[in-house]
Amino acid sequence: MMPLSTRLRPETLDEFIGQSHFFYPGSLVYNAIKRKTFGSAIFFGPSGTGKTTLARLIAKEMDSEFYELNASVAGTRELKEIIGRCQENLFNYQREHTYLYVDEFHRWNKLQQDSLLKALEEGLFRFIGSTTENPWFAINNAVLSRIGAVYEFKRLSPDEIEIVLTRALTDQERGLGSRSIEVKSEALTALADLASGDARVALDALGFIADNLNPGQAIDLAVVGEAVQKPVVFYDKRDDKYNLLSALQKSIRGTDPDAALHYLARLIDGGADPQMIGRRLMVIASEDIGMAYPQAISIVTACVQAALLTGLPEARIQLAQAVILLASCPKSNSVIMAIDEALNDLKKYKTGEIPPHLMDTHYSGAKKRGFGGYKYPHAYGGYVKQDYLPELLRKAGAEYYKPTGNGKEGAFRTFLEEIRKRLKNHEDNSG
């Protein structure tokens, strides 16, 4: 039987869910497809985010001939056959667009990728390649330069996946609507969240559940947990994971390692994704510890990376190490306060030009434009008086970083205070 994820592939642009950072009604990409001006592109992102689906929809919307290859099983022989057909069409004055889509394009080696170059230059077809690897490392520069557009596909949000699942449950023709399956709301939420942003995983899990339910059985948390083989403790609303993450951060901020470990344990026991926990811990390292212990971000990042490599149950150890470190560190929120104040000033002031002596002077016309005069601090023992802020902000007395005396930040505060004292003495003497 055809998988549910295949049956539910969107058939129109309006059915497509996700990637709203570049694709939505009225966006340049949407308009290009509707106006039949969409060219070649690279689609880059995780599995199950809609790369193949959008490529097929583009060809369908533009009434184009469509060839699809998978780079894991097809190579230059298949590509040459398609190029030959396109050349015949060109020779016979058939000018309609042809699209070639190569899935897992990063699997082709340099020579295989380069075999596209002449066809792209001659305009034999428009090309879409999809890859889960970073295209700036996995795809030849010569190919990228001829394609130009690279679109990054992001994991779908749980809300977006829940829309996809609801559509599957209600669609009478392609989905499960004709079966009248009862689904508990918390079970649908759990399934959407546990799919980790992959619509294919969510749909196929739902299809597996639907095909194997007992007569009259509803889809509840227990069924979802059995299907995905993961705990679903906090999806029954007794322990919402976002509340647990909030309690974890506030316990760390309050320097209570015991409470922080308690909430970490509840998150792990409830089936929380280690990556989600790790992201929050890395934010805490800068937001709540920051300059009071600058090494925290490096150590926590290493712990999170180790946790993701080892996986549960061992990942609990590295995550616990990160939590204990963060909770036991001196605290400072000066980093988040500094950047937020700087961003707020961008909204309040017309910030003005960069001072001329800070401008780039590595070209012949810089001097004529009045740029130059920068004093190299290292030539003056590490510090020399000169203006760095735009004049408006300098006159407004902009000062963003306000170091605390906590932990190692005290040393930074002492150093900066000494510099400011020297600056003030210099101004007084000049006056």
Protein backbone atom coordinates (compact mmCIF):
# COMPACT_ATOMS: atom_id res chain seq x y z
CA MET A 1 0.00 0.00 0.00
CA MET A 2 1.18 3.52 -0.81
CA PRO A 3 2.44 5.34 2.32
CA LEU A 4 0.20 8.05 3.71
CA SER A 5 2.96 10.63 3.23
CA THR A 6 3.00 9.86 -0.51
CA ARG A 7 -0.80 9.94 -0.86
CA LEU A 8 -1.00 13.27 0.95
CA ARG A 9 1.62 15.11 -1.10
CA PRO A 10 0.23 18.59 -1.89
CA GLU A 11 -1.23 18.87 -5.39
CA THR A 12 -1.37 22.68 -5.51
CA LEU A 13 0.78 25.51 -4.21
CA ASP A 14 -1.94 26.50 -1.76
CA GLU A 15 -1.77 23.05 -0.12
CA PHE A 16 1.96 23.41 0.56
CA ILE A 17 2.76 23.84 4.26
CA GLY A 18 5.94 25.35 5.71
CA GLN A 19 8.93 27.42 4.55
CA SER A 20 7.05 30.65 5.16
CA HIS A 21 10.37 32.53 5.39
CA PHE A 22 10.54 32.47 1.58
CA PHE A 23 7.33 30.88 0.30
CA TYR A 24 3.88 32.42 0.84
CA PRO A 25 1.21 34.00 -1.41
CA GLY A 26 2.73 37.19 -2.78
CA SER A 27 6.34 36.22 -2.08
CA LEU A 28 8.88 36.49 -4.91
CA VAL A 29 9.14 32.70 -5.17
CA TYR A 30 5.36 32.24 -5.21
CA ASN A 31 4.95 34.95 -7.85
CA ALA A 32 7.78 33.53 -9.96
CA ILE A 33 6.06 30.16 -10.07
CA LYS A 34 2.65 31.65 -10.86
CA ARG A 35 4.14 33.90 -13.56
CA LYS A 36 6.18 31.00 -14.97
CA THR A 37 9.49 32.81 -14.50
CA PHE A 38 11.03 30.53 -11.85
CA GLY A 39 14.49 29.43 -12.93
CA SER A 40 17.06 27.00 -11.54
CA ALA A 41 17.60 26.56 -7.81
CA ILE A 42 19.13 24.50 -5.03
CA PHE A 43 16.83 23.35 -2.24
CA PHE A 44 18.79 22.74 0.95
CA GLY A 45 17.46 21.34 4.23
CA PRO A 46 16.50 18.31 6.33
CA SER A 47 14.37 15.42 5.09
CA GLY A 48 10.60 15.73 5.19
CA THR A 49 10.50 19.50 4.80
CA GLY A 50 8.99 19.68 1.28
CA LYS A 51 11.95 19.94 -1.12
CA THR A 52 10.76 17.26 -3.56
CA THR A 53 7.14 18.31 -3.20
CA LEU A 54 7.84 21.94 -4.10
CA ALA A 55 10.01 20.93 -7.07
CA ARG A 56 7.15 18.84 -8.47
CA LEU A 57 4.63 21.61 -7.84
CA ILE A 58 6.83 24.10 -9.70
CA ALA A 59 6.95 21.89 -12.77
CA LYS A 60 3.19 21.27 -12.57
CA GLU A 61 2.30 24.94 -12.15
CA MET A 62 4.51 25.93 -15.07
CA ASP A 63 3.16 23.16 -17.35
CA SER A 64 6.70 21.96 -17.84
CA GLU A 65 8.14 18.60 -18.79
CA PHE A 66 9.62 17.14 -15.61
CA TYR A 67 12.47 14.68 -15.17
CA GLU A 68 13.37 13.38 -11.73
CA LEU A 69 16.54 11.56 -10.75
CA ASN A 70 17.85 10.36 -7.41
CA ALA A 71 21.61 10.85 -7.21
CA SER A 72 22.02 7.78 -5.00
CA VAL A 73 20.99 5.44 -7.87
CA ALA A 74 21.33 7.54 -11.06
CA GLY A 75 24.45 9.01 -12.63
CA THR A 76 25.82 10.61 -15.78
CA ARG A 77 24.33 7.97 -18.10
CA GLU A 78 20.80 8.90 -17.10
CA LEU A 79 21.69 12.58 -17.20
CA LYS A 80 23.05 12.27 -20.77
CA GLU A 81 19.81 10.60 -21.88
CA ILE A 82 17.79 13.54 -20.54
CA ILE A 83 20.17 16.06 -22.12
CA GLY A 84 19.74 14.24 -25.44
CA ARG A 85 15.94 14.49 -25.24
CA CYS A 86 16.17 18.19 -24.39
CA GLN A 87 18.47 18.78 -27.38
CA GLU A 88 15.95 17.04 -29.65
CA ASN A 89 13.18 19.26 -28.34
CA LEU A 90 15.35 22.31 -28.98
CA PHE A 91 16.17 21.10 -32.48
CA ASN A 92 12.44 20.57 -33.17
CA TYR A 93 11.74 24.13 -31.92
CA GLN A 94 9.82 22.92 -28.89
CA ARG A 95 10.54 25.87 -26.60
CA GLU A 96 8.48 24.88 -23.55
CA HIS A 97 10.40 24.72 -20.30
CA THR A 98 11.85 21.46 -19.06
CA TYR A 99 12.76 20.89 -15.41
CA LEU A 100 15.34 18.41 -14.21
CA TYR A 101 15.13 17.62 -10.52
CA VAL A 102 18.00 15.70 -8.89
CA ASP A 103 17.29 14.55 -5.34
CA GLU A 104 20.28 14.08 -2.99
CA PHE A 105 22.38 16.05 -5.46
CA HIS A 106 25.33 16.13 -3.03
CA ARG A 107 25.88 12.41 -3.72
CA TRP A 108 27.20 13.17 -7.20
CA ASN A 109 30.96 13.65 -7.36
CA LYS A 110 32.67 16.67 -8.94
CA LEU A 111 32.78 15.20 -12.45
CA GLN A 112 29.14 14.16 -12.32
CA GLN A 113 28.10 17.62 -11.12
CA ASP A 114 30.23 19.31 -13.78
CA SER A 115 28.42 17.34 -16.49
CA LEU A 116 25.51 19.74 -15.92
CA LEU A 117 27.49 22.88 -16.78
CA LYS A 118 27.15 22.96 -20.56
CA ALA A 119 23.45 22.10 -20.45
CA LEU A 120 22.83 24.87 -17.93
CA GLU A 121 24.77 27.40 -20.02
CA GLU A 122 22.84 26.44 -23.16
CA GLY A 123 19.52 26.64 -21.34
CA LEU A 124 18.50 23.09 -22.26
CA PHE A 125 16.58 22.79 -19.01
CA ARG A 126 15.99 24.45 -15.71
CA PHE A 127 17.59 22.60 -12.85
CA ILE A 128 16.52 22.00 -9.25
CA GLY A 129 18.84 20.04 -6.99
CA SER A 130 17.95 19.12 -3.42
CA THR A 131 20.44 18.30 -0.72
CA THR A 132 20.56 17.71 3.00
CA GLU A 133 24.21 18.85 3.02
CA ASN A 134 25.46 22.43 3.10
CA PRO A 135 25.52 23.32 -0.63
CA TRP A 136 28.49 25.66 -0.27
CA PHE A 137 30.56 22.63 0.74
CA ALA A 138 28.80 19.79 -1.09
CA ILE A 139 28.20 21.39 -4.50
CA ASN A 140 30.80 22.66 -6.95
CA ASN A 141 31.18 26.43 -7.13
CA ALA A 142 30.89 26.31 -10.92
CA VAL A 143 27.44 24.73 -10.62
CA LEU A 144 26.32 27.10 -7.86
CA SER A 145 27.39 30.15 -9.87
CA ARG A 146 25.22 29.06 -12.82
CA ILE A 147 22.21 28.27 -10.64
CA GLY A 148 22.36 31.27 -8.35
CA ALA A 149 19.36 30.75 -6.08
CA VAL A 150 19.76 28.63 -2.93
CA TYR A 151 16.67 28.19 -0.73
CA GLU A 152 17.08 26.81 2.77
CA PHE A 153 14.23 24.58 3.93
CA LYS A 154 13.71 24.50 7.69
CA ARG A 155 12.09 21.85 9.84
CA LEU A 156 8.36 22.31 10.12
CA SER A 157 7.05 23.63 13.41
CA PRO A 158 4.80 21.36 15.54
CA ASP A 159 1.86 23.61 14.62
CA GLU A 160 2.57 23.18 10.91
CA ILE A 161 2.85 19.42 11.27
CA GLU A 162 -0.41 19.36 13.24
CA ILE A 163 -2.07 21.09 10.26
CA VAL A 164 -0.69 18.37 7.97
CA LEU A 165 -1.93 15.60 10.30
CA THR A 166 -5.38 17.17 10.63
CA ARG A 167 -5.63 17.35 6.85
CA ALA A 168 -4.70 13.67 6.64
CA LEU A 169 -7.40 12.74 9.16
CA THR A 170 -10.12 14.68 7.36
CA ASP A 171 -9.26 14.11 3.69
CA GLN A 172 -11.89 11.72 2.36
CA GLU A 173 -10.14 10.74 -0.89
CA ARG A 174 -6.41 10.56 -0.20
CA GLY A 175 -6.35 10.50 3.58
CA LEU A 176 -8.10 8.81 6.48
CA GLY A 177 -11.33 10.83 6.51
CA SER A 178 -13.51 7.95 5.43
CA ARG A 179 -12.45 5.86 8.47
CA SER A 180 -13.85 8.25 11.12
CA ILE A 181 -10.93 7.65 13.48
CA GLU A 182 -11.18 9.26 16.92
CA VAL A 183 -8.00 11.11 17.86
CA LYS A 184 -7.35 12.69 21.25
CA SER A 185 -6.05 16.25 20.93
CA GLU A 186 -3.05 15.59 23.18
CA ALA A 187 -2.14 12.55 21.04
CA LEU A 188 -2.13 14.68 17.89
CA THR A 189 0.03 17.28 19.65
CA ALA A 190 2.47 14.59 20.79
CA LEU A 191 2.71 13.05 17.33
CA ALA A 192 3.35 16.46 15.74
CA ASP A 193 6.05 17.30 18.26
CA LEU A 194 7.81 13.94 18.25
CA ALA A 195 8.22 14.06 14.46
CA SER A 196 11.06 16.61 14.98
CA GLY A 197 9.94 18.81 12.10
CA ASP A 198 9.68 15.97 9.53
CA ALA A 199 6.22 15.85 7.93
CA ARG A 200 6.96 12.49 6.30
CA VAL A 201 7.77 10.88 9.66
CA ALA A 202 4.58 12.29 11.20
CA LEU A 203 2.33 11.15 8.36
CA ASP A 204 3.79 7.68 8.09
CA ALA A 205 3.53 7.20 11.86
CA LEU A 206 -0.12 8.23 11.67
CA GLY A 207 -0.65 5.84 8.76
CA PHE A 208 0.94 2.99 10.68
CA ILE A 209 -1.27 3.68 13.70
CA ALA A 210 -4.45 3.94 11.61
CA ASP A 211 -3.76 0.66 9.79
CA ASN A 212 -3.24 -1.26 13.02
CA LEU A 213 -5.86 0.09 15.43
CA ASN A 214 -8.31 -2.30 16.99
CA PRO A 215 -11.97 -1.79 16.01
CA GLY A 216 -13.37 1.24 17.85
CA GLN A 217 -10.00 2.12 19.38
CA ALA A 218 -9.09 5.82 19.63
CA ILE A 219 -5.65 7.26 19.02
CA ASP A 220 -4.47 8.37 22.46
CA LEU A 221 -1.12 9.05 24.11
CA ALA A 222 -0.48 5.38 24.85
CA VAL A 223 -0.97 4.47 21.19
CA VAL A 224 1.34 7.27 20.01
CA GLY A 225 4.00 6.27 22.53
CA GLU A 226 3.82 2.66 21.34
CA ALA A 227 4.06 3.70 17.70
CA VAL A 228 7.05 6.01 18.02
CA GLN A 229 8.71 4.06 20.85
CA LYS A 230 9.25 7.20 22.91
CA PRO A 231 7.85 8.33 26.27
CA VAL A 232 4.99 10.83 26.04
CA VAL A 233 4.65 11.69 29.72
CA PHE A 234 4.14 15.42 29.59
CA TYR A 235 1.72 15.50 26.67
CA ASP A 236 -1.13 14.78 29.06
CA LYS A 237 -0.89 18.46 30.15
CA ARG A 238 0.19 17.62 33.71
CA ASP A 239 3.71 18.67 32.81
CA ASP A 240 4.02 20.94 29.80
CA LYS A 241 7.57 20.82 28.44
CA TYR A 242 7.78 24.60 28.04
CA ASN A 243 6.92 25.03 31.71
CA LEU A 244 9.65 22.54 32.57
CA LEU A 245 12.17 24.38 30.38
CA SER A 246 11.18 27.64 32.05
CA ALA A 247 11.58 26.10 35.52
CA LEU A 248 14.96 24.67 34.49
CA GLN A 249 16.26 28.06 33.35
CA LYS A 250 14.93 29.91 36.38
CA SER A 251 16.47 27.35 38.74
CA ILE A 252 19.83 27.71 37.00
CA ARG A 253 19.52 31.50 37.17
CA GLY A 254 18.72 31.17 40.87
CA THR A 255 21.91 29.11 41.45
CA ASP A 256 20.03 26.01 42.62
CA PRO A 257 21.67 22.97 40.97
CA ASP A 258 19.40 20.52 42.80
CA ALA A 259 16.20 22.10 41.49
CA ALA A 260 17.73 22.44 38.01
CA LEU A 261 18.63 18.73 37.96
CA HIS A 262 15.10 17.87 39.10
CA TYR A 263 13.55 19.67 36.10
CA LEU A 264 16.15 18.20 33.74
CA ALA A 265 15.20 14.73 34.99
CA ARG A 266 11.51 15.44 34.38
CA LEU A 267 12.26 16.61 30.85
CA ILE A 268 14.31 13.50 30.07
CA ASP A 269 11.76 11.20 31.68
CA GLY A 270 9.00 12.89 29.67
CA GLY A 271 10.73 12.18 26.36
CA ALA A 272 12.01 15.68 25.60
CA ASP A 273 14.38 15.90 22.64
CA PRO A 274 17.99 16.33 23.92
CA GLN A 275 18.54 18.84 21.11
CA MET A 276 15.73 21.01 22.45
CA ILE A 277 17.17 20.87 25.97
CA GLY A 278 20.65 21.60 24.61
CA ARG A 279 19.49 24.68 22.73
CA ARG A 280 18.04 26.13 25.92
CA LEU A 281 21.23 25.39 27.87
CA MET A 282 23.38 27.17 25.27
CA VAL A 283 21.10 30.21 25.47
CA ILE A 284 21.38 30.19 29.28
CA ALA A 285 25.19 30.07 29.03
CA SER A 286 25.19 33.49 27.34
CA GLU A 287 22.00 35.02 28.74
CA ASP A 288 22.43 34.22 32.44
CA ILE A 289 26.14 33.46 32.88
CA GLY A 290 27.80 35.44 30.10
CA MET A 291 30.94 37.33 31.07
CA ALA A 292 30.81 36.19 34.70
CA TYR A 293 32.26 32.91 33.42
CA PRO A 294 32.96 33.27 29.66
CA GLN A 295 34.14 29.66 29.33
CA ALA A 296 30.61 28.41 30.15
CA ILE A 297 29.40 28.69 26.53
CA SER A 298 32.31 26.56 25.26
CA ILE A 299 31.89 23.88 27.92
CA VAL A 300 28.10 23.74 27.55
CA THR A 301 28.35 23.57 23.74
CA ALA A 302 30.80 20.67 24.07
CA CYS A 303 28.44 18.88 26.51
CA VAL A 304 25.47 19.36 24.18
CA GLN A 305 27.42 18.12 21.15
CA ALA A 306 28.57 15.08 23.14
CA ALA A 307 24.98 14.41 24.24
CA LEU A 308 23.73 14.50 20.65
CA LEU A 309 26.52 12.16 19.53
CA THR A 310 25.98 9.60 22.28
CA GLY A 311 22.19 9.77 22.47
CA LEU A 312 20.02 8.72 25.37
CA PRO A 313 20.34 7.21 27.91
CA GLU A 314 24.02 8.25 28.11
CA ALA A 315 23.20 11.81 26.96
CA ARG A 316 21.66 12.42 30.37
CA ILE A 317 25.19 12.54 31.83
CA GLN A 318 26.51 15.30 29.55
CA LEU A 319 23.31 17.31 29.89
CA ALA A 320 23.51 16.99 33.67
CA GLN A 321 27.13 18.18 33.62
CA ALA A 322 26.08 21.27 31.66
CA VAL A 323 23.20 21.96 34.05
CA ILE A 324 25.36 21.59 37.17
CA LEU A 325 28.04 23.87 35.70
CA LEU A 326 25.52 26.57 34.74
CA ALA A 327 23.69 26.43 38.06
CA SER A 328 26.95 26.60 40.04
CA CYS A 329 28.50 29.50 38.05
CA PRO A 330 28.48 33.17 39.02
CA LYS A 331 25.72 34.94 37.11
CA SER A 332 25.54 38.00 34.87
CA ASN A 333 22.92 39.16 32.38
CA SER A 334 25.11 41.98 31.07
CA VAL A 335 25.44 40.36 27.62
CA ILE A 336 21.72 40.23 26.81
CA MET A 337 21.16 43.66 28.36
CA ALA A 338 23.96 45.16 26.25
CA ILE A 339 22.84 43.81 22.87
CA ASP A 340 19.17 44.59 23.53
CA GLU A 341 19.99 48.17 24.49
CA ALA A 342 22.10 48.56 21.34
CA LEU A 343 19.24 47.21 19.21
CA ASN A 344 16.77 49.56 20.92
CA ASP A 345 18.98 52.54 20.09
CA LEU A 346 18.85 51.58 16.41
CA LYS A 347 15.08 52.14 16.60
CA LYS A 348 15.39 55.41 18.55
CA TYR A 349 18.19 57.19 16.68
CA LYS A 350 19.34 57.89 13.18
CA THR A 351 22.68 56.34 13.96
CA GLY A 352 24.71 58.30 11.40
CA GLU A 353 27.81 57.46 9.44
CA ILE A 354 30.70 55.34 10.64
CA PRO A 355 33.56 57.66 11.66
CA PRO A 356 35.83 58.25 8.60
CA HIS A 357 38.94 56.86 10.32
CA LEU A 358 37.16 53.49 10.79
CA MET A 359 36.23 53.15 7.11
CA ASP A 360 37.91 50.60 4.85
CA THR A 361 40.93 52.15 3.13
CA HIS A 362 42.13 49.16 1.10
CA TYR A 363 41.35 50.74 -2.28
CA SER A 364 42.75 53.66 -4.24
CA GLY A 365 39.79 56.05 -3.92
CA ALA A 366 39.48 55.88 -0.12
CA LYS A 367 41.78 58.85 0.54
CA LYS A 368 39.89 61.07 -1.90
CA ARG A 369 36.69 60.26 0.00
CA GLY A 370 38.27 61.49 3.23
CA PHE A 371 38.75 58.07 4.77
CA GLY A 372 41.81 57.30 6.88
CA GLY A 373 43.59 58.52 9.99
CA TYR A 374 42.97 55.36 12.02
CA LYS A 375 45.38 54.92 14.96
CA TYR A 376 46.47 51.31 15.43
CA PRO A 377 46.02 50.66 19.21
CA HIS A 378 48.75 48.03 19.36
CA ALA A 379 51.25 50.66 18.28
CA TYR A 380 50.32 52.69 21.37
CA GLY A 381 50.61 49.93 23.96
CA GLY A 382 47.10 48.52 23.42
CA TYR A 383 44.99 51.67 23.74
CA VAL A 384 44.82 55.09 22.12
CA LYS A 385 42.09 57.71 22.30
CA GLN A 386 39.91 57.95 19.21
CA ASP A 387 36.17 57.87 18.53
CA TYR A 388 34.52 54.58 17.55
CA LEU A 389 30.78 55.22 17.86
CA PRO A 390 28.89 57.29 15.26
CA GLU A 391 28.84 60.93 16.42
CA LEU A 392 25.14 61.02 17.33
CA LEU A 393 25.38 58.01 19.64
CA ARG A 394 28.64 59.25 21.14
CA LYS A 395 27.09 62.62 21.99
CA ALA A 396 24.04 60.84 23.43
CA GLY A 397 26.41 59.02 25.82
CA ALA A 398 25.61 55.54 24.53
CA GLU A 399 27.02 52.92 26.88
CA TYR A 400 25.70 49.38 26.44
CA TYR A 401 27.99 47.00 28.26
CA LYS A 402 27.66 47.49 32.01
CA PRO A 403 29.79 44.75 33.62
CA THR A 404 28.90 43.35 37.01
CA GLY A 405 31.44 42.46 39.66
CA ASN A 406 30.43 38.79 39.60
CA GLY A 407 32.96 36.06 38.85
CA LYS A 408 35.47 36.74 36.11
CA GLU A 409 33.45 39.73 34.92
CA GLY A 410 34.88 41.72 37.81
CA ALA A 411 38.28 41.65 36.09
CA PHE A 412 36.74 42.94 32.85
CA ARG A 413 35.01 45.73 34.76
CA THR A 414 38.27 46.77 36.44
CA PHE A 415 40.06 46.84 33.08
CA LEU A 416 37.34 48.91 31.37
CA GLU A 417 37.10 51.32 34.32
CA GLU A 418 40.85 51.92 34.07
CA ILE A 419 40.56 52.64 30.33
CA ARG A 420 37.68 55.05 30.93
CA LYS A 421 39.64 56.77 33.71
CA ARG A 422 42.58 57.27 31.34
CA LEU A 423 40.20 58.64 28.73
CA LYS A 424 38.69 61.12 31.21
CA ASN A 425 42.17 62.26 32.35
CA HIS A 426 43.14 62.76 28.71
CA GLU A 427 40.05 64.93 28.12
CA ASP A 428 40.67 66.96 31.28
CA ASN A 429 44.29 67.58 30.33
CA SER A 430 43.28 68.51 26.79
CA GLY A 431 40.75 70.99 28.14
